[in-house]
N, C-alpha and C. Protein backbone atom coordinates (compact mmCIF):
# COMPACT_ATOMS: atom_id res chain seq x y z
N MET A 1 -9.54 -0.64 2.72
CA MET A 1 -9.32 0.32 1.66
C MET A 1 -8.63 -0.41 0.50
N THR A 2 -9.09 -0.13 -0.70
CA THR A 2 -8.51 -0.71 -1.90
C THR A 2 -8.12 0.41 -2.85
N LYS A 3 -6.98 0.23 -3.52
CA LYS A 3 -6.53 1.22 -4.50
C LYS A 3 -6.44 0.53 -5.85
N GLU A 4 -6.90 1.22 -6.89
CA GLU A 4 -6.86 0.66 -8.25
C GLU A 4 -5.75 1.30 -9.06
N LEU A 5 -5.11 0.46 -9.86
CA LEU A 5 -4.07 0.93 -10.76
C LEU A 5 -4.38 0.41 -12.16
N VAL A 6 -4.62 1.34 -13.10
CA VAL A 6 -4.82 0.95 -14.49
C VAL A 6 -3.45 0.63 -15.05
N LEU A 7 -3.29 -0.59 -15.55
CA LEU A 7 -1.99 -1.06 -16.02
C LEU A 7 -1.68 -0.53 -17.42
N LYS A 8 -0.45 -0.12 -17.60
CA LYS A 8 0.04 0.32 -18.91
C LYS A 8 0.06 -0.87 -19.86
N LYS A 9 0.44 -2.03 -19.32
CA LYS A 9 0.51 -3.27 -20.09
C LYS A 9 -0.27 -4.34 -19.32
N PRO A 10 -1.31 -4.92 -19.92
CA PRO A 10 -2.09 -5.95 -19.22
C PRO A 10 -1.22 -7.15 -18.84
N ILE A 11 -1.62 -7.82 -17.77
CA ILE A 11 -0.94 -9.05 -17.34
C ILE A 11 -1.96 -10.18 -17.29
N THR A 12 -1.48 -11.40 -17.22
CA THR A 12 -2.36 -12.55 -17.09
C THR A 12 -2.22 -13.13 -15.69
N ALA A 13 -3.36 -13.29 -15.03
CA ALA A 13 -3.39 -13.88 -13.69
C ALA A 13 -4.65 -14.73 -13.58
N HIS A 14 -4.50 -15.93 -13.05
CA HIS A 14 -5.63 -16.85 -12.88
C HIS A 14 -6.36 -17.06 -14.21
N ASN A 15 -5.59 -17.20 -15.28
CA ASN A 15 -6.12 -17.42 -16.64
C ASN A 15 -7.01 -16.28 -17.13
N GLU A 16 -6.82 -15.08 -16.61
CA GLU A 16 -7.56 -13.91 -17.06
C GLU A 16 -6.59 -12.79 -17.38
N LYS A 17 -6.94 -11.99 -18.38
CA LYS A 17 -6.13 -10.81 -18.71
C LYS A 17 -6.60 -9.67 -17.83
N LEU A 18 -5.68 -9.09 -17.09
CA LEU A 18 -6.01 -7.98 -16.19
C LEU A 18 -5.50 -6.66 -16.76
N HIS A 19 -6.39 -5.68 -16.80
CA HIS A 19 -6.04 -4.33 -17.23
C HIS A 19 -5.96 -3.38 -16.04
N VAL A 20 -6.52 -3.82 -14.91
CA VAL A 20 -6.54 -3.03 -13.68
C VAL A 20 -6.09 -3.94 -12.54
N LEU A 21 -5.24 -3.41 -11.69
CA LEU A 21 -4.77 -4.12 -10.52
C LEU A 21 -5.39 -3.47 -9.29
N GLU A 22 -6.01 -4.27 -8.45
CA GLU A 22 -6.58 -3.75 -7.21
C GLU A 22 -5.68 -4.16 -6.06
N LEU A 23 -5.17 -3.17 -5.35
CA LEU A 23 -4.30 -3.42 -4.21
C LEU A 23 -5.08 -3.12 -2.93
N ARG A 24 -5.17 -4.11 -2.06
CA ARG A 24 -5.85 -3.91 -0.78
C ARG A 24 -4.83 -3.52 0.28
N GLU A 25 -5.32 -3.00 1.37
CA GLU A 25 -4.46 -2.59 2.47
C GLU A 25 -3.84 -3.83 3.14
N PRO A 26 -2.57 -3.77 3.52
CA PRO A 26 -1.95 -4.93 4.17
C PRO A 26 -2.48 -5.14 5.59
N THR A 27 -2.46 -6.39 6.02
CA THR A 27 -2.88 -6.73 7.37
C THR A 27 -1.68 -6.67 8.32
N PHE A 28 -1.96 -6.71 9.60
CA PHE A 28 -0.90 -6.72 10.61
C PHE A 28 0.04 -7.91 10.37
N ASP A 29 -0.53 -9.10 10.13
CA ASP A 29 0.29 -10.29 9.92
C ASP A 29 1.19 -10.16 8.69
N GLU A 30 0.69 -9.54 7.63
CA GLU A 30 1.50 -9.34 6.43
C GLU A 30 2.62 -8.35 6.69
N ILE A 31 2.33 -7.29 7.43
CA ILE A 31 3.38 -6.31 7.76
C ILE A 31 4.43 -6.97 8.63
N GLU A 32 3.99 -7.80 9.58
CA GLU A 32 4.94 -8.51 10.45
C GLU A 32 5.84 -9.44 9.64
N ALA A 33 5.26 -10.12 8.66
CA ALA A 33 6.01 -11.08 7.85
C ALA A 33 6.91 -10.42 6.81
N ILE A 34 6.42 -9.35 6.17
CA ILE A 34 7.14 -8.73 5.05
C ILE A 34 7.95 -7.52 5.49
N GLY A 35 7.41 -6.73 6.40
CA GLY A 35 8.11 -5.54 6.88
C GLY A 35 7.55 -4.27 6.29
N PHE A 36 8.16 -3.16 6.66
CA PHE A 36 7.75 -1.86 6.15
C PHE A 36 8.48 -1.59 4.83
N PRO A 37 7.76 -1.04 3.83
CA PRO A 37 8.36 -0.81 2.51
C PRO A 37 9.12 0.50 2.41
N PHE A 38 9.68 0.97 3.52
CA PHE A 38 10.42 2.22 3.50
C PHE A 38 11.37 2.28 4.68
N THR A 39 12.31 3.20 4.58
CA THR A 39 13.19 3.53 5.70
C THR A 39 13.05 5.03 5.95
N VAL A 40 13.38 5.43 7.16
CA VAL A 40 13.31 6.84 7.53
C VAL A 40 14.72 7.28 7.91
N SER A 41 15.19 8.34 7.27
CA SER A 41 16.53 8.85 7.55
C SER A 41 16.52 9.67 8.84
N GLY A 42 17.69 10.05 9.29
CA GLY A 42 17.83 10.85 10.49
C GLY A 42 17.10 12.19 10.43
N ASN A 43 16.96 12.72 9.22
CA ASN A 43 16.27 14.01 9.08
C ASN A 43 14.78 13.83 8.76
N GLY A 44 14.29 12.59 8.83
CA GLY A 44 12.87 12.32 8.64
C GLY A 44 12.44 12.04 7.22
N ALA A 45 13.38 12.01 6.29
CA ALA A 45 13.03 11.72 4.89
C ALA A 45 12.69 10.23 4.74
N ILE A 46 11.65 9.96 3.95
CA ILE A 46 11.22 8.58 3.71
C ILE A 46 11.80 8.11 2.39
N LYS A 47 12.41 6.92 2.41
CA LYS A 47 12.99 6.32 1.21
C LYS A 47 12.33 4.97 0.97
N LEU A 48 11.82 4.78 -0.23
CA LEU A 48 11.18 3.52 -0.60
C LEU A 48 12.19 2.38 -0.52
N ASP A 49 11.80 1.28 0.10
CA ASP A 49 12.61 0.05 0.10
C ASP A 49 11.96 -0.88 -0.92
N SER A 50 12.46 -0.83 -2.14
CA SER A 50 11.81 -1.56 -3.24
C SER A 50 11.82 -3.07 -3.03
N SER A 51 12.84 -3.60 -2.37
CA SER A 51 12.88 -5.06 -2.16
C SER A 51 11.71 -5.52 -1.29
N VAL A 52 11.29 -4.68 -0.37
CA VAL A 52 10.13 -5.01 0.47
C VAL A 52 8.84 -4.71 -0.28
N ALA A 53 8.76 -3.55 -0.91
CA ALA A 53 7.54 -3.15 -1.63
C ALA A 53 7.18 -4.17 -2.72
N LEU A 54 8.18 -4.69 -3.41
CA LEU A 54 7.92 -5.67 -4.47
C LEU A 54 7.26 -6.94 -3.93
N LYS A 55 7.59 -7.32 -2.71
CA LYS A 55 7.00 -8.52 -2.11
C LYS A 55 5.51 -8.33 -1.83
N TYR A 56 5.10 -7.08 -1.62
CA TYR A 56 3.69 -6.80 -1.35
C TYR A 56 2.81 -6.89 -2.59
N ILE A 57 3.34 -6.65 -3.78
CA ILE A 57 2.50 -6.59 -4.99
C ILE A 57 1.65 -7.84 -5.17
N PRO A 58 2.22 -9.05 -5.27
CA PRO A 58 1.36 -10.21 -5.46
C PRO A 58 0.44 -10.48 -4.28
N VAL A 59 0.91 -10.20 -3.07
CA VAL A 59 0.11 -10.45 -1.88
C VAL A 59 -1.13 -9.56 -1.84
N LEU A 60 -0.93 -8.25 -2.02
CA LEU A 60 -2.03 -7.30 -1.91
C LEU A 60 -2.94 -7.30 -3.13
N ALA A 61 -2.41 -7.71 -4.27
CA ALA A 61 -3.22 -7.77 -5.50
C ALA A 61 -3.91 -9.12 -5.65
N GLY A 62 -3.50 -10.11 -4.85
CA GLY A 62 -4.12 -11.44 -4.94
C GLY A 62 -3.78 -12.15 -6.23
N ILE A 63 -2.55 -11.94 -6.70
CA ILE A 63 -2.11 -12.58 -7.95
C ILE A 63 -0.84 -13.38 -7.67
N PRO A 64 -0.54 -14.37 -8.52
CA PRO A 64 0.71 -15.11 -8.34
C PRO A 64 1.92 -14.21 -8.62
N ARG A 65 3.04 -14.55 -8.02
CA ARG A 65 4.27 -13.80 -8.25
C ARG A 65 4.62 -13.78 -9.74
N SER A 66 4.36 -14.90 -10.43
CA SER A 66 4.67 -14.98 -11.86
C SER A 66 3.86 -13.96 -12.66
N SER A 67 2.67 -13.63 -12.20
CA SER A 67 1.86 -12.60 -12.87
C SER A 67 2.42 -11.22 -12.59
N ALA A 68 2.84 -10.98 -11.35
CA ALA A 68 3.45 -9.70 -11.00
C ALA A 68 4.72 -9.48 -11.82
N ALA A 69 5.44 -10.56 -12.12
CA ALA A 69 6.68 -10.46 -12.89
C ALA A 69 6.43 -10.03 -14.34
N GLN A 70 5.19 -10.10 -14.81
CA GLN A 70 4.85 -9.68 -16.17
C GLN A 70 4.62 -8.17 -16.28
N MET A 71 4.56 -7.50 -15.15
CA MET A 71 4.20 -6.08 -15.14
C MET A 71 5.26 -5.21 -15.80
N ALA A 72 4.78 -4.15 -16.46
CA ALA A 72 5.69 -3.16 -17.05
C ALA A 72 6.39 -2.42 -15.91
N LYS A 73 7.59 -1.94 -16.18
CA LYS A 73 8.38 -1.26 -15.14
C LYS A 73 7.63 -0.07 -14.54
N LEU A 74 6.95 0.70 -15.37
CA LEU A 74 6.19 1.83 -14.87
C LEU A 74 5.06 1.36 -13.94
N ASP A 75 4.40 0.27 -14.29
CA ASP A 75 3.34 -0.28 -13.45
C ASP A 75 3.90 -0.79 -12.12
N ILE A 76 5.09 -1.37 -12.15
CA ILE A 76 5.74 -1.82 -10.92
C ILE A 76 6.01 -0.61 -10.02
N PHE A 77 6.56 0.43 -10.60
CA PHE A 77 6.86 1.64 -9.83
C PHE A 77 5.59 2.23 -9.23
N LYS A 78 4.53 2.37 -10.03
CA LYS A 78 3.29 2.94 -9.54
C LYS A 78 2.68 2.07 -8.44
N SER A 79 2.77 0.76 -8.58
CA SER A 79 2.27 -0.15 -7.55
C SER A 79 3.03 0.04 -6.25
N CYS A 80 4.34 0.15 -6.35
CA CYS A 80 5.16 0.35 -5.16
C CYS A 80 4.80 1.66 -4.47
N MET A 81 4.54 2.70 -5.23
CA MET A 81 4.17 3.99 -4.64
C MET A 81 2.79 3.92 -3.98
N GLN A 82 1.88 3.16 -4.58
CA GLN A 82 0.56 2.99 -3.95
C GLN A 82 0.69 2.19 -2.66
N ILE A 83 1.54 1.19 -2.66
CA ILE A 83 1.77 0.41 -1.45
C ILE A 83 2.37 1.30 -0.37
N LEU A 84 3.35 2.11 -0.73
CA LEU A 84 3.95 3.04 0.22
C LEU A 84 2.90 3.96 0.82
N SER A 85 1.94 4.38 0.01
CA SER A 85 0.91 5.32 0.50
C SER A 85 0.02 4.69 1.57
N PHE A 86 -0.10 3.35 1.60
CA PHE A 86 -0.86 2.71 2.68
C PHE A 86 -0.21 3.00 4.03
N PHE A 87 1.09 3.21 4.03
CA PHE A 87 1.84 3.41 5.27
C PHE A 87 2.09 4.87 5.61
N THR A 88 2.02 5.74 4.61
CA THR A 88 2.44 7.13 4.84
C THR A 88 1.30 8.14 4.80
N GLN A 89 0.17 7.80 4.24
CA GLN A 89 -0.94 8.75 4.18
C GLN A 89 -1.89 8.48 5.33
N SER A 90 -2.19 9.52 6.10
CA SER A 90 -3.13 9.33 7.20
C SER A 90 -4.55 9.37 6.66
N GLU A 91 -5.40 8.57 7.27
CA GLU A 91 -6.81 8.58 6.90
C GLU A 91 -7.48 9.71 7.67
N THR A 92 -8.71 10.01 7.32
CA THR A 92 -9.44 11.06 8.02
C THR A 92 -9.53 10.70 9.49
N GLU A 93 -9.10 11.62 10.33
CA GLU A 93 -9.11 11.35 11.76
C GLU A 93 -10.52 11.37 12.29
N GLN A 94 -10.81 10.46 13.21
CA GLN A 94 -12.11 10.40 13.85
C GLN A 94 -12.13 11.41 14.99
N THR A 95 -13.21 12.14 15.12
CA THR A 95 -13.34 13.05 16.25
C THR A 95 -14.35 12.45 17.22
N SER A 96 -14.25 12.85 18.48
CA SER A 96 -15.15 12.31 19.49
C SER A 96 -16.54 12.89 19.31
N ASP A 97 -17.50 12.26 19.97
CA ASP A 97 -18.88 12.71 19.89
C ASP A 97 -19.02 14.13 20.43
N ASP A 98 -20.07 14.81 19.98
CA ASP A 98 -20.31 16.18 20.40
C ASP A 98 -20.58 16.31 21.90
N ASP A 99 -21.03 15.22 22.55
CA ASP A 99 -21.36 15.32 23.96
C ASP A 99 -20.16 15.07 24.87
N SER A 100 -18.97 15.11 24.32
CA SER A 100 -17.76 14.93 25.11
C SER A 100 -17.62 16.05 26.12
N THR A 101 -17.18 15.69 27.35
CA THR A 101 -17.01 16.70 28.38
C THR A 101 -15.60 17.26 28.42
N THR A 102 -14.72 16.72 27.60
CA THR A 102 -13.34 17.19 27.56
C THR A 102 -13.20 18.22 26.45
N SER A 103 -12.66 19.38 26.78
CA SER A 103 -12.51 20.40 25.75
C SER A 103 -11.31 20.06 24.87
N PRO A 104 -11.38 20.38 23.58
CA PRO A 104 -10.28 20.08 22.68
C PRO A 104 -8.99 20.71 23.16
N GLY A 105 -7.92 19.94 23.17
CA GLY A 105 -6.62 20.44 23.53
C GLY A 105 -6.37 20.53 25.02
N SER A 106 -7.35 20.15 25.85
CA SER A 106 -7.15 20.28 27.29
C SER A 106 -6.29 19.16 27.85
N GLY A 107 -6.27 18.01 27.14
CA GLY A 107 -5.45 16.88 27.61
C GLY A 107 -6.11 16.11 28.73
N ASN A 108 -7.32 16.46 29.11
CA ASN A 108 -8.03 15.75 30.19
C ASN A 108 -9.19 14.96 29.65
């Protein structure tokens, strides 16, 4: 899954001016190395961990850190929120085939 972010202020990466940033979903190895970009409080509230989320921007966008550093503050915030959504939004759940012999909710 890839998410696009139209930048408020273009940045330069790989000798090209970028107006749109494409963020791909993180891999298991990247999550293991960088960590989760949020914390969960005792009451279940999710809080963005910006120090972790910021590390994901150049990795998931495939740009150098120096290019990510050119981003406008609003673009940084929006990127962090899109990264957070990779971890907090569930994808469409797969259902089993119609020929399943287990009735829904039976637990068998």
